C-alpha cells in the first residue's frame, strides 16, 4: 500500500514538472521573418544581468544575424552579450 502511494506521488510530481516545462514559452520570433527582435533580446539580457544596457545593435556574422548588447554590471564592468537572432541562444563572446 505504501509503495503504491509513493509511486502515485512520484508520478504526480513528474506530471507537474512536465506541465511546468510546457508552460515556459521558447525564445521565438515575434514576426514572420523568423528573427527575434532586438528589443526582446535586450529585455532578456537586462533581466538576466541586472545591469544597465549601454547599447544594442544587430550585426551580420557570416550568414547569421547576431544581437550585440553591451551591459554595465553592478560591479562597474562593461560586458558584451551576443544573442543569435534566429534561435535566441546566447553565443560565446568574441
C-alpha atoms as a PDB file:
ATOM      1  CA  UNK A   1       0.000   0.000   0.000  1.00  0.00           C
ATOM      2  CA  UNK A   2       2.810   2.406   0.907  1.00  0.00           C
ATOM      3  CA  UNK A   3       4.648   1.614  -2.351  1.00  0.00           C
ATOM      4  CA  UNK A   4       1.526   2.446  -4.374  1.00  0.00           C
ATOM      5  CA  UNK A   5       1.147   5.807  -2.649  1.00  0.00           C
ATOM      6  CA  UNK A   6       4.814   6.561  -3.165  1.00  0.00           C
ATOM      7  CA  UNK A   7       4.544   5.612  -6.845  1.00  0.00           C
ATOM      8  CA  UNK A   8       1.431   7.788  -7.292  1.00  0.00           C
ATOM      9  CA  UNK A   9       3.193  10.687  -5.584  1.00  0.00           C
ATOM     10  CA  UNK A  10       6.240  10.304  -7.828  1.00  0.00           C
ATOM     11  CA  UNK A  11       4.078  10.148 -10.973  1.00  0.00           C
ATOM     12  CA  UNK A  12       2.120  13.210  -9.876  1.00  0.00           C
ATOM     13  CA  UNK A  13       5.350  15.106  -9.265  1.00  0.00           C
ATOM     14  CA  UNK A  14       6.687  14.186 -12.713  1.00  0.00           C
ATOM     15  CA  UNK A  15       3.413  15.251 -14.330  1.00  0.00           C
ATOM     16  CA  UNK A  16       3.550  18.640 -12.606  1.00  0.00           C
ATOM     17  CA  UNK A  17       7.154  19.144 -13.729  1.00  0.00           C
ATOM     18  CA  UNK A  18       6.232  18.254 -17.309  1.00  0.00           C
ATOM     19  CA  UNK A  19       3.321  20.711 -17.285  1.00  0.00           C
ATOM     20  CA  UNK A  20       5.543  23.464 -15.894  1.00  0.00           C
ATOM     21  CA  UNK A  21       8.079  22.840 -18.638  1.00  0.00           C
ATOM     22  CA  UNK A  22       5.354  23.129 -21.272  1.00  0.00           C
ATOM     23  CA  UNK A  23       4.165  26.435 -19.844  1.00  0.00           C
ATOM     24  CA  UNK A  24       7.515  28.154 -20.468  1.00  0.00           C
ATOM     25  CA  UNK A  25       7.434  29.702 -23.944  1.00  0.00           C
ATOM     26  CA  UNK A  26      10.542  29.125 -26.026  1.00  0.00           C
ATOM     27  CA  UNK A  27      12.508  32.059 -27.351  1.00  0.00           C
ATOM     28  CA  UNK A  28      10.958  32.518 -30.751  1.00  0.00           C
ATOM     29  CA  UNK A  29      10.444  35.209 -33.287  1.00  0.00           C
ATOM     30  CA  UNK A  30       7.559  37.639 -32.941  1.00  0.00           C
ATOM     31  CA  UNK A  31       7.427  38.306 -36.651  1.00  0.00           C
ATOM     32  CA  UNK A  32       7.255  36.329 -39.892  1.00  0.00           C
ATOM     33  CA  UNK A  33      10.924  36.760 -40.729  1.00  0.00           C
ATOM     34  CA  UNK A  34      11.972  34.200 -38.113  1.00  0.00           C
ATOM     35  CA  UNK A  35      14.211  36.694 -36.317  1.00  0.00           C
ATOM     36  CA  UNK A  36      13.881  37.588 -32.642  1.00  0.00           C
ATOM     37  CA  UNK A  37      13.507  41.369 -32.371  1.00  0.00           C
ATOM     38  CA  UNK A  38      16.428  43.275 -30.867  1.00  0.00           C
ATOM     39  CA  UNK A  39      14.138  44.715 -28.179  1.00  0.00           C
ATOM     40  CA  UNK A  40      13.247  41.229 -26.966  1.00  0.00           C
ATOM     41  CA  UNK A  41      16.905  40.209 -26.788  1.00  0.00           C
ATOM     42  CA  UNK A  42      17.687  43.397 -24.844  1.00  0.00           C
ATOM     43  CA  UNK A  43      14.876  42.685 -22.361  1.00  0.00           C
ATOM     44  CA  UNK A  44      16.208  39.189 -21.782  1.00  0.00           C
ATOM     45  CA  UNK A  45      19.788  40.370 -21.265  1.00  0.00           C
ATOM     46  CA  UNK A  46      18.637  43.088 -18.872  1.00  0.00           C
ATOM     47  CA  UNK A  47      16.543  40.623 -16.863  1.00  0.00           C
ATOM     48  CA  UNK A  48      19.392  38.092 -16.629  1.00  0.00           C
ATOM     49  CA  UNK A  49      22.210  40.543 -15.877  1.00  0.00           C
ATOM     50  CA  UNK A  50      20.509  43.061 -13.555  1.00  0.00           C
ATOM     51  CA  UNK A  51      22.685  45.678 -15.227  1.00  0.00           C
ATOM     52  CA  UNK A  52      22.207  48.824 -17.269  1.00  0.00           C
ATOM     53  CA  UNK A  53      22.005  48.456 -21.046  1.00  0.00           C
ATOM     54  CA  UNK A  54      24.579  50.714 -22.696  1.00  0.00           C
ATOM     55  CA  UNK A  55      23.964  49.857 -26.338  1.00  0.00           C
ATOM     56  CA  UNK A  56      22.425  47.244 -28.577  1.00  0.00           C
ATOM     57  CA  UNK A  57      22.634  46.550 -32.279  1.00  0.00           C
ATOM     58  CA  UNK A  58      22.122  43.743 -34.753  1.00  0.00           C
ATOM     59  CA  UNK A  59      25.005  42.748 -36.994  1.00  0.00           C
ATOM     60  CA  UNK A  60      25.712  40.109 -39.623  1.00  0.00           C
ATOM     61  CA  UNK A  61      28.229  37.482 -38.548  1.00  0.00           C
ATOM     62  CA  UNK A  62      28.858  35.357 -41.587  1.00  0.00           C
ATOM     63  CA  UNK A  63      25.452  34.026 -42.627  1.00  0.00           C
ATOM     64  CA  UNK A  64      23.654  34.730 -39.358  1.00  0.00           C
ATOM     65  CA  UNK A  65      22.293  37.786 -37.604  1.00  0.00           C
ATOM     66  CA  UNK A  66      23.588  38.445 -34.108  1.00  0.00           C
ATOM     67  CA  UNK A  67      22.294  40.868 -31.486  1.00  0.00           C
ATOM     68  CA  UNK A  68      25.203  42.537 -29.660  1.00  0.00           C
ATOM     69  CA  UNK A  69      24.218  44.015 -26.305  1.00  0.00           C
ATOM     70  CA  UNK A  70      26.620  45.946 -24.065  1.00  0.00           C
ATOM     71  CA  UNK A  71      25.748  45.931 -20.356  1.00  0.00           C
ATOM     72  CA  UNK A  72      27.172  47.857 -17.406  1.00  0.00           C
ATOM     73  CA  UNK A  73      27.209  45.390 -14.494  1.00  0.00           C
ATOM     74  CA  UNK A  74      26.610  46.273 -10.840  1.00  0.00           C
ATOM     75  CA  UNK A  75      30.369  45.863 -10.331  1.00  0.00           C
ATOM     76  CA  UNK A  76      31.032  48.653 -12.866  1.00  0.00           C
ATOM     77  CA  UNK A  77      32.318  46.389 -15.652  1.00  0.00           C
ATOM     78  CA  UNK A  78      31.133  46.539 -19.250  1.00  0.00           C
ATOM     79  CA  UNK A  79      30.070  43.160 -20.547  1.00  0.00           C
ATOM     80  CA  UNK A  80      29.202  42.299 -24.148  1.00  0.00           C
ATOM     81  CA  UNK A  81      26.488  39.704 -24.692  1.00  0.00           C
ATOM     82  CA  UNK A  82      25.880  38.106 -28.085  1.00  0.00           C
ATOM     83  CA  UNK A  83      22.494  36.567 -28.912  1.00  0.00           C
ATOM     84  CA  UNK A  84      21.743  34.561 -32.063  1.00  0.00           C
ATOM     85  CA  UNK A  85      18.865  36.484 -33.650  1.00  0.00           C
ATOM     86  CA  UNK A  86      17.218  33.374 -35.089  1.00  0.00           C
ATOM     87  CA  UNK A  87      17.425  30.893 -32.194  1.00  0.00           C
ATOM     88  CA  UNK A  88      17.638  33.285 -29.236  1.00  0.00           C
ATOM     89  CA  UNK A  89      20.598  31.334 -27.852  1.00  0.00           C
ATOM     90  CA  UNK A  90      23.418  33.147 -26.111  1.00  0.00           C
ATOM     91  CA  UNK A  91      26.667  32.954 -28.071  1.00  0.00           C
ATOM     92  CA  UNK A  92      30.231  32.945 -26.838  1.00  0.00           C
ATOM     93  CA  UNK A  93      31.848  36.387 -26.786  1.00  0.00           C
ATOM     94  CA  UNK A  94      34.446  37.235 -29.419  1.00  0.00           C
END
